[in-house]
Protein backbone atom coordinates (compact mmCIF):
# COMPACT_ATOMS: atom_id res chain seq x y z
CA UNK A 1 51.08 -60.99 -17.27
CA UNK A 2 51.88 -58.25 -15.04
CA UNK A 3 49.33 -55.75 -13.84
CA UNK A 4 50.18 -52.06 -13.50
CA UNK A 5 48.66 -50.41 -10.70
CA UNK A 6 47.19 -46.84 -11.70
CA UNK A 7 48.45 -44.17 -9.06
CA UNK A 8 46.85 -40.80 -10.76
CA UNK A 9 43.69 -39.89 -9.03
CA UNK A 10 41.29 -37.38 -10.32
CA UNK A 11 40.84 -34.79 -7.67
CA UNK A 12 38.87 -32.10 -9.69
CA UNK A 13 36.10 -30.50 -7.97
CA UNK A 14 33.27 -29.88 -10.28
CA UNK A 15 32.33 -26.41 -11.13
CA UNK A 16 29.56 -26.68 -13.22
CA UNK A 17 26.77 -25.28 -10.86
CA UNK A 18 29.31 -22.54 -9.54
CA UNK A 19 27.96 -19.76 -11.64
CA UNK A 20 24.36 -20.56 -10.53
CA UNK A 21 25.36 -20.58 -6.88
CA UNK A 22 26.94 -16.86 -7.53
CA UNK A 23 24.26 -15.50 -9.29
CA UNK A 24 21.87 -16.74 -6.35
CA UNK A 25 23.88 -15.21 -3.76
CA UNK A 26 24.03 -11.94 -5.85
CA UNK A 27 20.49 -11.82 -6.59
CA UNK A 28 19.91 -12.42 -2.84
CA UNK A 29 22.01 -9.43 -1.79
CA UNK A 30 20.68 -7.11 -4.20
CA UNK A 31 17.00 -7.78 -3.05
CA UNK A 32 17.72 -7.70 0.70
CA UNK A 33 20.08 -4.49 0.98
CA UNK A 34 18.77 -1.41 1.45
CA UNK A 35 20.64 1.54 0.01
CA UNK A 36 20.86 4.92 2.33
CA UNK A 37 20.42 8.06 0.02
CA UNK A 38 21.30 10.51 2.30
CA UNK A 39 23.54 10.69 5.38
CA UNK A 40 21.33 12.30 8.42
CA UNK A 41 23.28 15.11 10.10
CA UNK A 42 20.88 16.53 12.36
CA UNK A 43 19.39 15.12 15.58
CA UNK A 44 16.07 13.84 15.07
CA UNK A 45 13.51 12.07 17.44
CA UNK A 46 10.53 11.07 15.78
CA UNK A 47 7.18 10.82 17.43
CA UNK A 48 6.07 7.19 18.37
CA UNK A 49 2.78 5.97 16.69
CA UNK A 50 0.72 4.54 19.69
CA UNK A 51 -2.31 4.07 17.72
CA UNK A 52 -0.95 1.83 14.90
CA UNK A 53 -3.31 -1.00 14.20
CA UNK A 54 -2.67 -3.66 11.59
CA UNK A 55 -5.80 -4.41 9.54
CA UNK A 56 -6.39 -7.91 9.20
CA UNK A 57 -9.43 -7.77 6.79
CA UNK A 58 -8.62 -5.90 3.84
CA UNK A 59 -11.82 -6.73 2.29
CA UNK A 60 -13.43 -4.48 4.53
CA UNK A 61 -11.75 -1.43 3.50
CA UNK A 62 -13.61 0.94 1.21
CA UNK A 63 -11.56 3.30 -0.97
CA UNK A 64 -12.85 6.71 -1.66
CA UNK A 65 -10.83 9.09 -4.18
CA UNK A 66 -10.92 12.46 -3.98
CA UNK A 67 -9.37 14.74 -6.97
CA UNK A 68 -9.79 16.54 -10.24
CA UNK A 69 -11.20 14.21 -12.92
CA UNK A 70 -8.90 13.23 -15.80
CA UNK A 71 -11.51 13.77 -18.35
CA UNK A 72 -11.71 17.77 -19.05
CA UNK A 73 -15.51 17.24 -19.87
CA UNK A 74 -16.02 16.71 -16.31
CA UNK A 75 -14.98 20.08 -15.33
CA UNK A 76 -11.65 20.90 -12.96
CA UNK A 77 -13.63 21.06 -9.73
CA UNK A 78 -12.35 17.97 -7.32
CA UNK A 79 -14.61 15.22 -7.83
CA UNK A 80 -15.51 12.18 -5.09
CA UNK A 81 -15.15 8.71 -6.42
CA UNK A 82 -16.34 5.61 -4.97
CA UNK A 83 -17.06 2.12 -6.44
CA UNK A 84 -15.51 3.38 -9.83
CA UNK A 85 -18.34 6.10 -9.97
CA UNK A 86 -18.60 9.76 -9.34
CA UNK A 87 -20.90 10.64 -6.53
CA UNK A 88 -22.17 13.93 -4.73
CA UNK A 89 -21.10 14.83 -1.29
CA UNK A 90 -24.68 14.50 -0.41
CA UNK A 91 -24.97 11.24 -1.71
CA UNK A 92 -22.16 9.66 0.41
CA UNK A 93 -23.72 8.63 3.56
CA UNK A 94 -25.99 6.92 1.41
CA UNK A 95 -23.40 5.04 -0.49
CA UNK A 96 -21.79 4.23 2.94
CA UNK A 97 -25.18 2.59 4.37
CA UNK A 98 -25.41 0.74 0.81
CA UNK A 99 -22.18 -0.85 1.41
CA UNK A 100 -22.72 -1.60 5.07
CA UNK A 101 -26.02 -3.49 4.00
CA UNK A 102 -24.07 -5.76 2.02
CA UNK A 103 -21.93 -6.86 5.09
CA UNK A 104 -22.81 -9.22 8.09
CA UNK A 105 -23.70 -7.58 11.18
CA UNK A 106 -20.56 -8.58 12.94
CA UNK A 107 -18.63 -6.92 10.12
CA UNK A 108 -20.67 -3.45 9.90
CA UNK A 109 -18.33 -1.73 12.65
CA UNK A 110 -15.41 -3.01 11.45
CA UNK A 111 -15.67 -1.01 7.84
CA UNK A 112 -13.13 1.25 7.49
CA UNK A 113 -12.99 4.12 4.88
CA UNK A 114 -9.64 4.81 3.16
CA UNK A 115 -9.42 8.38 1.75
CA UNK A 116 -7.18 8.95 -1.12
CA UNK A 117 -7.04 12.78 -1.46
CA UNK A 118 -5.00 14.59 -4.18
CA UNK A 119 -2.50 16.91 -2.72
CA UNK A 120 -4.34 19.93 -4.60
CA UNK A 121 -7.54 19.52 -3.14
CA UNK A 122 -8.81 22.10 -0.61
CA UNK A 123 -9.20 21.00 3.09
CA UNK A 124 -12.72 22.38 3.07
CA UNK A 125 -13.78 19.24 0.95
CA UNK A 126 -11.92 17.08 3.23
CA UNK A 127 -13.81 18.42 6.30
CA UNK A 128 -17.12 18.25 4.41
CA UNK A 129 -16.66 14.61 3.62
CA UNK A 130 -15.71 13.80 7.18
CA UNK A 131 -18.77 15.42 8.26
CA UNK A 132 -20.84 13.40 5.87
CA UNK A 133 -19.26 10.38 7.24
CA UNK A 134 -19.82 11.08 10.87
CA UNK A 135 -23.64 11.48 10.04
CA UNK A 136 -23.67 7.93 9.18
CA UNK A 137 -21.33 6.80 12.02
CA UNK A 138 -18.40 5.98 9.81
CA UNK A 139 -15.53 6.87 11.93
CA UNK A 140 -12.68 4.73 11.25
CA UNK A 141 -11.14 6.87 8.45
CA UNK A 142 -7.37 6.21 7.29
CA UNK A 143 -5.58 8.62 5.11
CA UNK A 144 -3.58 6.99 2.33
CA UNK A 145 -0.39 8.56 0.83
CA UNK A 146 2.00 6.78 -1.44
CA UNK A 147 5.63 6.49 -0.48
CA UNK A 148 8.45 9.10 -1.26
CA UNK A 149 9.59 8.16 -4.99
CA UNK A 150 13.49 8.47 -5.67
């Protein structure tokens, strides 16, 4: 009996995972690519921020929101919201003291006040809030604003 030798070799590359790899690469480039919307045609020298500090403990940030109330029953004058409730300007210092009393002694100086103020609020109210915060020695204040939407 004669045995015949098979000379045909199967040299195909498996391509079953190829679409998965292509979609992963496509997704990676979509996420990591930054689109530039306008070309800058003027010379710009932006000021350097020398006092930027990364906040290490976000649990030591207290948010104070200032703006007109969403409910018409509360009027149209800007209100101060802290801890989910409206407070009067005169009570702001007392509220800060209450927040500090819940912290450890080493954390009291690290308490940071985050002011989120509506663009239509008059600067006089913001200055009054700053004065009340100064009275209770809450001098670490940051002002937050949203990123420009496209």
